[in-house]
Amino acid sequence: MHVIIAGNNDSKAKQVVSKIKEETLNDKVEFLYCDLASMTSIRQFVQKFKVKKIPLHVLINNAGVMMVPQRKTRDGFEEHFGLNYLGHFLLTNLLLDTLRESGSPGHCARVVTVSSATHYVA
């Protein structure tokens, strides 16, 4: 199984990748940078992902901000709306064709969207 970790913190992501590789003995784990508060970054991430020509069976949208000071994304959206909604929406939509191609009858690809710490109990 190939696992791609997307995130906007290189050092934390590298630690996570190392830990997953160590605990699962799966060498096919890697990090690709993606800042969900930036439409440009999302598009670049999708481009890099698609070049790899690997299937996408599960997309887990689990990023967000809460209780941060009022500010805007690079694209001019209010940060909560830009990152928590628009970022996930754009990422998912840009990957829909890959998700469709990766699924098969009876084994559809999945999109899971969570917020807060819900991923700990999923």
PDB file of N, CA and C in Angstrom:
ATOM      1  N   MET A   1       0.842  -1.170   0.000  1.00  0.00           N
ATOM      2  CA  MET A   1       0.000   0.000   0.000  1.00  0.00           C
ATOM      3  C   MET A   1       0.891   1.238   0.000  1.00  0.00           C
ATOM      4  N   HIS A   2       0.574   2.171  -0.857  1.00  0.00           N
ATOM      5  CA  HIS A   2       1.316   3.426  -0.954  1.00  0.00           C
ATOM      6  C   HIS A   2       0.545   4.495  -0.175  1.00  0.00           C
ATOM      7  N   VAL A   3       1.221   5.177   0.737  1.00  0.00           N
ATOM      8  CA  VAL A   3       0.589   6.208   1.563  1.00  0.00           C
ATOM      9  C   VAL A   3       1.269   7.541   1.292  1.00  0.00           C
ATOM     10  N   ILE A   4       0.458   8.537   0.973  1.00  0.00           N
ATOM     11  CA  ILE A   4       0.964   9.899   0.785  1.00  0.00           C
ATOM     12  C   ILE A   4       0.436  10.741   1.937  1.00  0.00           C
ATOM     13  N   ILE A   5       1.332  11.362   2.667  1.00  0.00           N
ATOM     14  CA  ILE A   5       0.967  12.286   3.736  1.00  0.00           C
ATOM     15  C   ILE A   5       1.078  13.689   3.161  1.00  0.00           C
ATOM     16  N   ALA A   6      -0.001  14.430   3.207  1.00  0.00           N
ATOM     17  CA  ALA A   6       0.013  15.818   2.729  1.00  0.00           C
ATOM     18  C   ALA A   6      -0.056  16.739   3.937  1.00  0.00           C
ATOM     19  N   GLY A   7       0.713  17.797   3.904  1.00  0.00           N
ATOM     20  CA  GLY A   7       0.688  18.741   5.009  1.00  0.00           C
ATOM     21  C   GLY A   7       1.544  19.949   4.703  1.00  0.00           C
ATOM     22  N   ASN A   8       1.527  20.893   5.630  1.00  0.00           N
ATOM     23  CA  ASN A   8       2.279  22.127   5.396  1.00  0.00           C
ATOM     24  C   ASN A   8       3.419  22.322   6.393  1.00  0.00           C
ATOM     25  N   ASN A   9       3.804  21.258   7.088  1.00  0.00           N
ATOM     26  CA  ASN A   9       4.907  21.337   8.039  1.00  0.00           C
ATOM     27  C   ASN A   9       5.896  20.212   7.721  1.00  0.00           C
ATOM     28  N   ASP A  10       6.949  20.553   6.995  1.00  0.00           N
ATOM     29  CA  ASP A  10       7.920  19.554   6.535  1.00  0.00           C
ATOM     30  C   ASP A  10       8.518  18.724   7.668  1.00  0.00           C
ATOM     31  N   SER A  11       8.961  19.375   8.730  1.00  0.00           N
ATOM     32  CA  SER A  11       9.659  18.637   9.789  1.00  0.00           C
ATOM     33  C   SER A  11       8.725  17.676  10.519  1.00  0.00           C
ATOM     34  N   LYS A  12       7.512  18.106  10.837  1.00  0.00           N
ATOM     35  CA  LYS A  12       6.554  17.203  11.493  1.00  0.00           C
ATOM     36  C   LYS A  12       6.186  16.047  10.575  1.00  0.00           C
ATOM     37  N   ALA A  13       5.977  16.350   9.309  1.00  0.00           N
ATOM     38  CA  ALA A  13       5.587  15.309   8.352  1.00  0.00           C
ATOM     39  C   ALA A  13       6.685  14.264   8.206  1.00  0.00           C
ATOM     40  N   LYS A  14       7.925  14.690   8.168  1.00  0.00           N
ATOM     41  CA  LYS A  14       9.033  13.740   8.038  1.00  0.00           C
ATOM     42  C   LYS A  14       9.100  12.818   9.249  1.00  0.00           C
ATOM     43  N   GLN A  15       8.809  13.351  10.434  1.00  0.00           N
ATOM     44  CA  GLN A  15       8.766  12.520  11.638  1.00  0.00           C
ATOM     45  C   GLN A  15       7.646  11.488  11.540  1.00  0.00           C
ATOM     46  N   VAL A  16       6.487  11.931  11.067  1.00  0.00           N
ATOM     47  CA  VAL A  16       5.338  11.030  10.926  1.00  0.00           C
ATOM     48  C   VAL A  16       5.641   9.936   9.904  1.00  0.00           C
ATOM     49  N   VAL A  17       6.217  10.316   8.784  1.00  0.00           N
ATOM     50  CA  VAL A  17       6.568   9.339   7.747  1.00  0.00           C
ATOM     51  C   VAL A  17       7.534   8.299   8.318  1.00  0.00           C
ATOM     52  N   SER A  18       8.546   8.737   9.034  1.00  0.00           N
ATOM     53  CA  SER A  18       9.517   7.812   9.636  1.00  0.00           C
ATOM     54  C   SER A  18       8.843   6.862  10.613  1.00  0.00           C
ATOM     55  N   LYS A  19       7.957   7.403  11.429  1.00  0.00           N
ATOM     56  CA  LYS A  19       7.266   6.578  12.426  1.00  0.00           C
ATOM     57  C   LYS A  19       6.370   5.538  11.754  1.00  0.00           C
ATOM     58  N   ILE A  20       5.640   5.944  10.728  1.00  0.00           N
ATOM     59  CA  ILE A  20       4.768   4.999  10.021  1.00  0.00           C
ATOM     60  C   ILE A  20       5.599   3.902   9.369  1.00  0.00           C
ATOM     61  N   LYS A  21       6.689   4.278   8.728  1.00  0.00           N
ATOM     62  CA  LYS A  21       7.557   3.283   8.088  1.00  0.00           C
ATOM     63  C   LYS A  21       8.103   2.294   9.109  1.00  0.00           C
ATOM     64  N   GLU A  22       8.521   2.821  10.254  1.00  0.00           N
ATOM     65  CA  GLU A  22       9.098   1.986  11.303  1.00  0.00           C
ATOM     66  C   GLU A  22       8.062   1.034  11.889  1.00  0.00           C
ATOM     67  N   GLU A  23       6.855   1.537  12.165  1.00  0.00           N
ATOM     68  CA  GLU A  23       5.840   0.725  12.835  1.00  0.00           C
ATOM     69  C   GLU A  23       5.117  -0.239  11.904  1.00  0.00           C
ATOM     70  N   THR A  24       5.083   0.056  10.616  1.00  0.00           N
ATOM     71  CA  THR A  24       4.332  -0.798   9.685  1.00  0.00           C
ATOM     72  C   THR A  24       5.229  -1.598   8.750  1.00  0.00           C
ATOM     73  N   LEU A  25       6.500  -1.271   8.728  1.00  0.00           N
ATOM     74  CA  LEU A  25       7.459  -1.881   7.800  1.00  0.00           C
ATOM     75  C   LEU A  25       7.056  -1.656   6.344  1.00  0.00           C
ATOM     76  N   ASN A  26       6.275  -0.618   6.121  1.00  0.00           N
ATOM     77  CA  ASN A  26       5.872  -0.228   4.768  1.00  0.00           C
ATOM     78  C   ASN A  26       6.801   0.891   4.313  1.00  0.00           C
ATOM     79  N   ASP A  27       7.554   0.629   3.272  1.00  0.00           N
ATOM     80  CA  ASP A  27       8.513   1.619   2.780  1.00  0.00           C
ATOM     81  C   ASP A  27       7.879   2.609   1.803  1.00  0.00           C
ATOM     82  N   LYS A  28       6.637   2.359   1.428  1.00  0.00           N
ATOM     83  CA  LYS A  28       5.960   3.215   0.452  1.00  0.00           C
ATOM     84  C   LYS A  28       5.132   4.293   1.152  1.00  0.00           C
ATOM     85  N   VAL A  29       5.770   5.057   1.991  1.00  0.00           N
ATOM     86  CA  VAL A  29       5.132   6.165   2.699  1.00  0.00           C
ATOM     87  C   VAL A  29       5.952   7.404   2.401  1.00  0.00           C
ATOM     88  N   GLU A  30       5.290   8.458   1.963  1.00  0.00           N
ATOM     89  CA  GLU A  30       6.029   9.678   1.636  1.00  0.00           C
ATOM     90  C   GLU A  30       5.199  10.921   1.940  1.00  0.00           C
ATOM     91  N   PHE A  31       5.877  12.033   1.957  1.00  0.00           N
ATOM     92  CA  PHE A  31       5.268  13.325   2.242  1.00  0.00           C
ATOM     93  C   PHE A  31       5.290  14.196   0.999  1.00  0.00           C
ATOM     94  N   LEU A  32       4.166  14.853   0.740  1.00  0.00           N
ATOM     95  CA  LEU A  32       4.092  15.882  -0.295  1.00  0.00           C
ATOM     96  C   LEU A  32       3.519  17.142   0.346  1.00  0.00           C
ATOM     97  N   TYR A  33       4.166  18.252   0.113  1.00  0.00           N
ATOM     98  CA  TYR A  33       3.734  19.518   0.696  1.00  0.00           C
ATOM     99  C   TYR A  33       2.392  19.954   0.103  1.00  0.00           C
ATOM    100  N   CYS A  34       1.489  20.406   0.974  1.00  0.00           N
ATOM    101  CA  CYS A  34       0.209  20.956   0.530  1.00  0.00           C
ATOM    102  C   CYS A  34      -0.333  21.878   1.615  1.00  0.00           C
ATOM    103  N   ASP A  35      -0.469  23.139   1.286  1.00  0.00           N
ATOM    104  CA  ASP A  35      -1.054  24.119   2.195  1.00  0.00           C
ATOM    105  C   ASP A  35      -2.497  24.338   1.758  1.00  0.00           C
ATOM    106  N   LEU A  36      -3.443  23.813   2.524  1.00  0.00           N
ATOM    107  CA  LEU A  36      -4.857  23.907   2.151  1.00  0.00           C
ATOM    108  C   LEU A  36      -5.413  25.322   2.230  1.00  0.00           C
ATOM    109  N   ALA A  37      -4.629  26.254   2.711  1.00  0.00           N
ATOM    110  CA  ALA A  37      -5.057  27.655   2.717  1.00  0.00           C
ATOM    111  C   ALA A  37      -4.612  28.368   1.444  1.00  0.00           C
ATOM    112  N   SER A  38      -3.999  27.632   0.526  1.00  0.00           N
ATOM    113  CA  SER A  38      -3.490  28.216  -0.719  1.00  0.00           C
ATOM    114  C   SER A  38      -3.969  27.396  -1.916  1.00  0.00           C
ATOM    115  N   MET A  39      -4.768  28.016  -2.763  1.00  0.00           N
ATOM    116  CA  MET A  39      -5.269  27.318  -3.950  1.00  0.00           C
ATOM    117  C   MET A  39      -4.111  26.903  -4.869  1.00  0.00           C
ATOM    118  N   THR A  40      -3.086  27.716  -4.946  1.00  0.00           N
ATOM    119  CA  THR A  40      -1.908  27.387  -5.756  1.00  0.00           C
ATOM    120  C   THR A  40      -1.217  26.146  -5.212  1.00  0.00           C
ATOM    121  N   SER A  41      -1.042  26.085  -3.908  1.00  0.00           N
ATOM    122  CA  SER A  41      -0.389  24.940  -3.283  1.00  0.00           C
ATOM    123  C   SER A  41      -1.194  23.662  -3.517  1.00  0.00           C
ATOM    124  N   ILE A  42      -2.498  23.752  -3.424  1.00  0.00           N
ATOM    125  CA  ILE A  42      -3.355  22.582  -3.656  1.00  0.00           C
ATOM    126  C   ILE A  42      -3.191  22.091  -5.089  1.00  0.00           C
ATOM    127  N   ARG A  43      -3.212  23.002  -6.027  1.00  0.00           N
ATOM    128  CA  ARG A  43      -3.045  22.620  -7.436  1.00  0.00           C
ATOM    129  C   ARG A  43      -1.668  21.984  -7.679  1.00  0.00           C
ATOM    130  N   GLN A  44      -0.635  22.520  -7.054  1.00  0.00           N
ATOM    131  CA  GLN A  44       0.711  21.956  -7.198  1.00  0.00           C
ATOM    132  C   GLN A  44       0.776  20.553  -6.596  1.00  0.00           C
ATOM    133  N   PHE A  45       0.141  20.379  -5.443  1.00  0.00           N
ATOM    134  CA  PHE A  45       0.104  19.058  -4.804  1.00  0.00           C
ATOM    135  C   PHE A  45      -0.552  18.035  -5.730  1.00  0.00           C
ATOM    136  N   VAL A  46      -1.711  18.388  -6.272  1.00  0.00           N
ATOM    137  CA  VAL A  46      -2.440  17.463  -7.148  1.00  0.00           C
ATOM    138  C   VAL A  46      -1.604  17.121  -8.374  1.00  0.00           C
ATOM    139  N   GLN A  47      -0.942  18.105  -8.925  1.00  0.00           N
ATOM    140  CA  GLN A  47      -0.074  17.876 -10.085  1.00  0.00           C
ATOM    141  C   GLN A  47       1.033  16.869  -9.739  1.00  0.00           C
ATOM    142  N   LYS A  48       1.688  17.072  -8.595  1.00  0.00           N
ATOM    143  CA  LYS A  48       2.765  16.166  -8.166  1.00  0.00           C
ATOM    144  C   LYS A  48       2.225  14.766  -7.890  1.00  0.00           C
ATOM    145  N   PHE A  49       1.037  14.703  -7.291  1.00  0.00           N
ATOM    146  CA  PHE A  49       0.440  13.399  -7.001  1.00  0.00           C
ATOM    147  C   PHE A  49       0.122  12.653  -8.296  1.00  0.00           C
ATOM    148  N   LYS A  50      -0.489  13.335  -9.243  1.00  0.00           N
ATOM    149  CA  LYS A  50      -0.904  12.678 -10.486  1.00  0.00           C
ATOM    150  C   LYS A  50       0.282  12.196 -11.317  1.00  0.00           C
ATOM    151  N   VAL A  51       1.405  12.891 -11.238  1.00  0.00           N
ATOM    152  CA  VAL A  51       2.612  12.473 -11.960  1.00  0.00           C
ATOM    153  C   VAL A  51       3.082  11.099 -11.476  1.00  0.00           C
ATOM    154  N   LYS A  52       2.808  10.770 -10.237  1.00  0.00           N
ATOM    155  CA  LYS A  52       3.239   9.490  -9.662  1.00  0.00           C
ATOM    156  C   LYS A  52       2.492   8.297 -10.257  1.00  0.00           C
ATOM    157  N   LYS A  53       1.333   8.549 -10.853  1.00  0.00           N
ATOM    158  CA  LYS A  53       0.541   7.481 -11.490  1.00  0.00           C
ATOM    159  C   LYS A  53       0.240   6.337 -10.529  1.00  0.00           C
ATOM    160  N   ILE A  54      -0.137   6.678  -9.299  1.00  0.00           N
ATOM    161  CA  ILE A  54      -0.539   5.656  -8.336  1.00  0.00           C
ATOM    162  C   ILE A  54      -2.032   5.807  -8.066  1.00  0.00           C
ATOM    163  N   PRO A  55      -2.704   4.711  -7.712  1.00  0.00           N
ATOM    164  CA  PRO A  55      -4.140   4.813  -7.446  1.00  0.00           C
ATOM    165  C   PRO A  55      -4.414   5.584  -6.156  1.00  0.00           C
ATOM    166  N   LEU A  56      -5.611   6.113  -6.076  1.00  0.00           N
ATOM    167  CA  LEU A  56      -6.057   6.818  -4.872  1.00  0.00           C
ATOM    168  C   LEU A  56      -7.337   6.144  -4.406  1.00  0.00           C
ATOM    169  N   HIS A  57      -7.214   5.282  -3.416  1.00  0.00           N
ATOM    170  CA  HIS A  57      -8.371   4.543  -2.923  1.00  0.00           C
ATOM    171  C   HIS A  57      -9.093   5.269  -1.801  1.00  0.00           C
ATOM    172  N   VAL A  58      -8.356   6.026  -1.001  1.00  0.00           N
ATOM    173  CA  VAL A  58      -8.966   6.759   0.114  1.00  0.00           C
ATOM    174  C   VAL A  58      -8.326   8.137   0.206  1.00  0.00           C
ATOM    175  N   LEU A  59      -9.167   9.154   0.216  1.00  0.00           N
ATOM    176  CA  LEU A  59      -8.721  10.529   0.457  1.00  0.00           C
ATOM    177  C   LEU A  59      -9.310  10.946   1.792  1.00  0.00           C
ATOM    178  N   ILE A  60      -8.456  11.268   2.746  1.00  0.00           N
ATOM    179  CA  ILE A  60      -8.928  11.710   4.059  1.00  0.00           C
ATOM    180  C   ILE A  60      -8.647  13.194   4.185  1.00  0.00           C
ATOM    181  N   ASN A  61      -9.707  13.971   4.244  1.00  0.00           N
ATOM    182  CA  ASN A  61      -9.602  15.422   4.448  1.00  0.00           C
ATOM    183  C   ASN A  61      -9.672  15.678   5.947  1.00  0.00           C
ATOM    184  N   ASN A  62      -8.542  16.028   6.524  1.00  0.00           N
ATOM    185  CA  ASN A  62      -8.509  16.255   7.965  1.00  0.00           C
ATOM    186  C   ASN A  62      -7.541  17.383   8.292  1.00  0.00           C
ATOM    187  N   ALA A  63      -7.896  18.563   7.909  1.00  0.00           N
ATOM    188  CA  ALA A  63      -7.097  19.735   8.250  1.00  0.00           C
ATOM    189  C   ALA A  63      -8.069  20.850   8.558  1.00  0.00           C
ATOM    190  N   GLY A  64      -7.663  21.728   9.396  1.00  0.00           N
ATOM    191  CA  GLY A  64      -8.546  22.841   9.689  1.00  0.00           C
ATOM    192  C   GLY A  64      -7.986  23.746  10.758  1.00  0.00           C
ATOM    193  N   VAL A  65      -8.628  24.870  10.874  1.00  0.00           N
ATOM    194  CA  VAL A  65      -8.270  25.825  11.919  1.00  0.00           C
ATOM    195  C   VAL A  65      -9.520  26.152  12.714  1.00  0.00           C
ATOM    196  N   MET A  66      -9.300  26.556  13.946  1.00  0.00           N
ATOM    197  CA  MET A  66     -10.408  26.931  14.812  1.00  0.00           C
ATOM    198  C   MET A  66      -9.889  27.945  15.822  1.00  0.00           C
ATOM    199  N   MET A  67     -10.687  28.921  16.096  1.00  0.00           N
ATOM    200  CA  MET A  67     -10.359  29.895  17.135  1.00  0.00           C
ATOM    201  C   MET A  67      -9.050  30.639  16.849  1.00  0.00           C
ATOM    202  N   VAL A  68      -8.780  30.920  15.589  1.00  0.00           N
ATOM    203  CA  VAL A  68      -7.596  31.706  15.245  1.00  0.00           C
ATOM    204  C   VAL A  68      -8.019  33.156  15.063  1.00  0.00           C
ATOM    205  N   PRO A  69      -7.084  34.087  15.169  1.00  0.00           N
ATOM    206  CA  PRO A  69      -7.439  35.493  14.944  1.00  0.00           C
ATOM    207  C   PRO A  69      -8.001  35.693  13.537  1.00  0.00           C
ATOM    208  N   GLN A  70      -8.829  36.704  13.385  1.00  0.00           N
ATOM    209  CA  GLN A  70      -9.407  37.018  12.073  1.00  0.00           C
ATOM    210  C   GLN A  70      -8.285  37.344  11.096  1.00  0.00           C
ATOM    211  N   ARG A  71      -8.181  36.563  10.034  1.00  0.00           N
ATOM    212  CA  ARG A  71      -7.185  36.816   8.996  1.00  0.00           C
ATOM    213  C   ARG A  71      -7.639  36.158   7.703  1.00  0.00           C
ATOM    214  N   LYS A  72      -6.915  36.466   6.639  1.00  0.00           N
ATOM    215  CA  LYS A  72      -7.289  35.956   5.320  1.00  0.00           C
ATOM    216  C   LYS A  72      -6.211  35.027   4.777  1.00  0.00           C
ATOM    217  N   THR A  73      -6.634  34.145   3.878  1.00  0.00           N
ATOM    218  CA  THR A  73      -5.686  33.274   3.187  1.00  0.00           C
ATOM    219  C   THR A  73      -4.963  34.089   2.122  1.00  0.00           C
ATOM    220  N   ARG A  74      -3.963  33.487   1.500  1.00  0.00           N
ATOM    221  CA  ARG A  74      -3.244  34.164   0.411  1.00  0.00           C
ATOM    222  C   ARG A  74      -4.177  34.536  -0.736  1.00  0.00           C
ATOM    223  N   ASP A  75      -5.251  33.787  -0.862  1.00  0.00           N
ATOM    224  CA  ASP A  75      -6.203  34.028  -1.947  1.00  0.00           C
ATOM    225  C   ASP A  75      -7.288  35.029  -1.565  1.00  0.00           C
ATOM    226  N   GLY A  76      -7.225  35.550  -0.333  1.00  0.00           N
ATOM    227  CA  GLY A  76      -8.152  36.592   0.090  1.00  0.00           C
ATOM    228  C   GLY A  76      -9.426  36.113   0.760  1.00  0.00           C
ATOM    229  N   PHE A  77      -9.515  34.819   1.071  1.00  0.00           N
ATOM    230  CA  PHE A  77     -10.693  34.293   1.760  1.00  0.00           C
ATOM    231  C   PHE A  77     -10.483  34.350   3.268  1.00  0.00           C
ATOM    232  N   GLU A  78     -11.564  34.501   4.002  1.00  0.00           N
ATOM    233  CA  GLU A  78     -11.483  34.402   5.460  1.00  0.00           C
ATOM    234  C   GLU A  78     -10.896  33.025   5.768  1.00  0.00           C
ATOM    235  N   GLU A  79      -9.951  32.948   6.698  1.00  0.00           N
ATOM    236  CA  GLU A  79      -9.163  31.732   6.885  1.00  0.00           C
ATOM    237  C   GLU A  79      -9.994  30.490   7.211  1.00  0.00           C
ATOM    238  N   HIS A  80     -10.959  30.607   8.114  1.00  0.00           N
ATOM    239  CA  HIS A  80     -11.785  29.439   8.439  1.00  0.00           C
ATOM    240  C   HIS A  80     -12.450  28.879   7.183  1.00  0.00           C
ATOM    241  N   PHE A  81     -13.065  29.746   6.408  1.00  0.00           N
ATOM    242  CA  PHE A  81     -13.774  29.339   5.199  1.00  0.00           C
ATOM    243  C   PHE A  81     -12.799  28.842   4.131  1.00  0.00           C
ATOM    244  N   GLY A  82     -11.704  29.555   3.959  1.00  0.00           N
ATOM    245  CA  GLY A  82     -10.733  29.202   2.929  1.00  0.00           C
ATOM    246  C   GLY A  82     -10.076  27.859   3.161  1.00  0.00           C
ATOM    247  N   LEU A  83      -9.641  27.615   4.382  1.00  0.00           N
ATOM    248  CA  LEU A  83      -8.931  26.371   4.685  1.00  0.00           C
ATOM    249  C   LEU A  83      -9.890  25.228   4.998  1.00  0.00           C
ATOM    250  N   ASN A  84     -10.839  25.462   5.888  1.00  0.00           N
ATOM    251  CA  ASN A  84     -11.715  24.386   6.349  1.00  0.00           C
ATOM    252  C   ASN A  84     -12.711  23.923   5.296  1.00  0.00           C
ATOM    253  N   TYR A  85     -13.095  24.778   4.382  1.00  0.00           N
ATOM    254  CA  TYR A  85     -14.082  24.400   3.377  1.00  0.00           C
ATOM    255  C   TYR A  85     -13.506  24.426   1.956  1.00  0.00           C
ATOM    256  N   LEU A  86     -13.093  25.601   1.505  1.00  0.00           N
ATOM    257  CA  LEU A  86     -12.653  25.730   0.112  1.00  0.00           C
ATOM    258  C   LEU A  86     -11.438  24.858  -0.205  1.00  0.00           C
ATOM    259  N   GLY A  87     -10.501  24.771   0.720  1.00  0.00           N
ATOM    260  CA  GLY A  87      -9.310  23.950   0.489  1.00  0.00           C
ATOM    261  C   GLY A  87      -9.659  22.488   0.269  1.00  0.00           C
ATOM    262  N   HIS A  88     -10.498  21.941   1.150  1.00  0.00           N
ATOM    263  CA  HIS A  88     -10.920  20.546   1.005  1.00  0.00           C
ATOM    264  C   HIS A  88     -11.741  20.349  -0.264  1.00  0.00           C
ATOM    265  N   PHE A  89     -12.607  21.313  -0.544  1.00  0.00           N
ATOM    266  CA  PHE A  89     -13.450  21.225  -1.737  1.00  0.00           C
ATOM    267  C   PHE A  89     -12.601  21.179  -3.004  1.00  0.00           C
ATOM    268  N   LEU A  90     -11.635  22.086  -3.114  1.00  0.00           N
ATOM    269  CA  LEU A  90     -10.783  22.119  -4.303  1.00  0.00           C
ATOM    270  C   LEU A  90      -9.953  20.845  -4.416  1.00  0.00           C
ATOM    271  N   LEU A  91      -9.333  20.432  -3.327  1.00  0.00           N
ATOM    272  CA  LEU A  91      -8.511  19.220  -3.347  1.00  0.00           C
ATOM    273  C   LEU A  91      -9.330  18.016  -3.803  1.00  0.00           C
ATOM    274  N   THR A  92     -10.488  17.836  -3.199  1.00  0.00           N
ATOM    275  CA  THR A  92     -11.342  16.697  -3.544  1.00  0.00           C
ATOM    276  C   THR A  92     -11.770  16.758  -5.005  1.00  0.00           C
ATOM    277  N   ASN A  93     -12.198  17.918  -5.457  1.00  0.00           N
ATOM    278  CA  ASN A  93     -12.646  18.043  -6.840  1.00  0.00           C
ATOM    279  C   ASN A  93     -11.528  17.794  -7.844  1.00  0.00           C
ATOM    280  N   LEU A  94     -10.327  18.253  -7.544  1.00  0.00           N
ATOM    281  CA  LEU A  94      -9.202  18.030  -8.458  1.00  0.00           C
ATOM    282  C   LEU A  94      -8.763  16.563  -8.495  1.00  0.00           C
ATOM    283  N   LEU A  95      -9.126  15.807  -7.458  1.00  0.00           N
ATOM    284  CA  LEU A  95      -8.749  14.392  -7.402  1.00  0.00           C
ATOM    285  C   LEU A  95      -9.896  13.444  -7.750  1.00  0.00           C
ATOM    286  N   LEU A  96     -11.071  13.971  -8.064  1.00  0.00           N
ATOM    287  CA  LEU A  96     -12.226  13.109  -8.350  1.00  0.00           C
ATOM    288  C   LEU A  96     -11.968  12.138  -9.498  1.00  0.00           C
ATOM    289  N   ASP A  97     -11.338  12.592 -10.559  1.00  0.00           N
ATOM    290  CA  ASP A  97     -11.076  11.692 -11.684  1.00  0.00           C
ATOM    291  C   ASP A  97     -10.154  10.546 -11.266  1.00  0.00           C
ATOM    292  N   THR A  98      -9.155  10.846 -10.458  1.00  0.00           N
ATOM    293  CA  THR A  98      -8.237   9.811  -9.972  1.00  0.00           C
ATOM    294  C   THR A  98      -8.967   8.843  -9.051  1.00  0.00           C
ATOM    295  N   LEU A  99      -9.838   9.362  -8.194  1.00  0.00           N
ATOM    296  CA  LEU A  99     -10.631   8.503  -7.313  1.00  0.00           C
ATOM    297  C   LEU A  99     -11.524   7.574  -8.136  1.00  0.00           C
ATOM    298  N   ARG A 100     -12.195   8.117  -9.133  1.00  0.00           N
ATOM    299  CA  ARG A 100     -13.072   7.295  -9.987  1.00  0.00           C
ATOM    300  C   ARG A 100     -12.274   6.194 -10.697  1.00  0.00           C
ATOM    301  N   GLU A 101     -11.125   6.560 -11.242  1.00  0.00           N
ATOM    302  CA  GLU A 101     -10.288   5.590 -11.961  1.00  0.00           C
ATOM    303  C   GLU A 101      -9.725   4.520 -11.026  1.00  0.00           C
ATOM    304  N   SER A 102      -9.531   4.860  -9.764  1.00  0.00           N
ATOM    305  CA  SER A 102      -8.921   3.935  -8.809  1.00  0.00           C
ATOM    306  C   SER A 102      -9.914   2.921  -8.265  1.00  0.00           C
ATOM    307  N   GLY A 103     -11.178   3.267  -8.269  1.00  0.00           N
ATOM    308  CA  GLY A 103     -12.197   2.355  -7.769  1.00  0.00           C
ATOM    309  C   GLY A 103     -12.540   1.293  -8.792  1.00  0.00           C
ATOM    310  N   SER A 104     -13.252   0.292  -8.328  1.00  0.00           N
ATOM    311  CA  SER A 104     -13.735  -0.761  -9.213  1.00  0.00           C
ATOM    312  C   SER A 104     -15.117  -1.175  -8.715  1.00  0.00           C
ATOM    313  N   PRO A 105     -15.898  -1.874  -9.534  1.00  0.00           N
ATOM    314  CA  PRO A 105     -17.235  -2.282  -9.089  1.00  0.00           C
ATOM    315  C   PRO A 105     -17.166  -3.038  -7.762  1.00  0.00           C
ATOM    316  N   GLY A 106     -17.922  -2.577  -6.814  1.00  0.00           N
ATOM    317  CA  GLY A 106     -17.921  -3.192  -5.489  1.00  0.00           C
ATOM    318  C   GLY A 106     -16.805  -2.720  -4.579  1.00  0.00           C
ATOM    319  N   HIS A 107     -15.868  -1.975  -5.113  1.00  0.00           N
ATOM    320  CA  HIS A 107     -14.740  -1.464  -4.321  1.00  0.00           C
ATOM    321  C   HIS A 107     -14.487  -0.006  -4.688  1.00  0.00           C
ATOM    322  N   CYS A 108     -15.443   0.824  -4.404  1.00  0.00           N
ATOM    323  CA  CYS A 108     -15.342   2.243  -4.753  1.00  0.00           C
ATOM    324  C   CYS A 108     -14.261   2.925  -3.922  1.00  0.00           C
ATOM    325  N   ALA A 109     -13.633   3.907  -4.527  1.00  0.00           N
ATOM    326  CA  ALA A 109     -12.713   4.753  -3.770  1.00  0.00           C
ATOM    327  C   ALA A 109     -13.539   5.594  -2.804  1.00  0.00           C
ATOM    328  N   ARG A 110     -12.935   6.051  -1.745  1.00  0.00           N
ATOM    329  CA  ARG A 110     -13.661   6.758  -0.684  1.00  0.00           C
ATOM    330  C   ARG A 110     -13.068   8.134  -0.415  1.00  0.00           C
ATOM    331  N   VAL A 111     -13.944   9.046  -0.014  1.00  0.00           N
ATOM    332  CA  VAL A 111     -13.528  10.351   0.494  1.00  0.00           C
ATOM    333  C   VAL A 111     -14.074  10.448   1.909  1.00  0.00           C
ATOM    334  N   VAL A 112     -13.190  10.674   2.858  1.00  0.00           N
ATOM    335  CA  VAL A 112     -13.568  10.817   4.257  1.00  0.00           C
ATOM    336  C   VAL A 112     -13.188  12.226   4.682  1.00  0.00           C
ATOM    337  N   THR A 113     -14.154  12.974   5.174  1.00  0.00           N
ATOM    338  CA  THR A 113     -13.879  14.327   5.642  1.00  0.00           C
ATOM    339  C   THR A 113     -14.239  14.400   7.117  1.00  0.00           C
ATOM    340  N   VAL A 114     -13.262  14.756   7.930  1.00  0.00           N
ATOM    341  CA  VAL A 114     -13.479  14.862   9.372  1.00  0.00           C
ATOM    342  C   VAL A 114     -13.008  16.230   9.849  1.00  0.00           C
ATOM    343  N   SER A 115     -13.433  16.574  11.024  1.00  0.00           N
ATOM    344  CA  SER A 115     -12.974  17.823  11.634  1.00  0.00           C
ATOM    345  C   SER A 115     -12.617  17.533  13.080  1.00  0.00           C
ATOM    346  N   SER A 116     -11.934  18.424  13.697  1.00  0.00           N
ATOM    347  CA  SER A 116     -11.495  18.315  15.086  1.00  0.00           C
ATOM    348  C   SER A 116     -10.676  17.050  15.295  1.00  0.00           C
ATOM    349  N   ALA A 117     -10.873  16.388  16.405  1.00  0.00           N
ATOM    350  CA  ALA A 117     -10.095  15.189  16.723  1.00  0.00           C
ATOM    351  C   ALA A 117     -10.857  13.921  16.363  1.00  0.00           C
ATOM    352  N   THR A 118     -11.854  14.021  15.524  1.00  0.00           N
ATOM    353  CA  THR A 118     -12.678  12.878  15.157  1.00  0.00           C
ATOM    354  C   THR A 118     -11.851  11.744  14.569  1.00  0.00           C
ATOM    355  N   HIS A 119     -10.762  12.069  13.886  1.00  0.00           N
ATOM    356  CA  HIS A 119      -9.954  11.025  13.254  1.00  0.00           C
ATOM    357  C   HIS A 119      -9.373  10.048  14.272  1.00  0.00           C
ATOM    358  N   TYR A 120      -9.290  10.432  15.548  1.00  0.00           N
ATOM    359  CA  TYR A 120      -8.760   9.533  16.560  1.00  0.00           C
ATOM    360  C   TYR A 120      -9.720   8.397  16.876  1.00  0.00           C
ATOM    361  N   VAL A 121     -11.003   8.599  16.643  1.00  0.00           N
ATOM    362  CA  VAL A 121     -11.992   7.575  16.970  1.00  0.00           C
ATOM    363  C   VAL A 121     -12.582   6.921  15.734  1.00  0.00           C
ATOM    364  N   ALA A 122     -12.099   7.300  14.559  1.00  0.00           N
ATOM    365  CA  ALA A 122     -12.654   6.742  13.308  1.00  0.00           C
ATOM    366  C   ALA A 122     -12.192   5.319  13.095  1.00  0.00           C
TER     367      ALA A 122
END
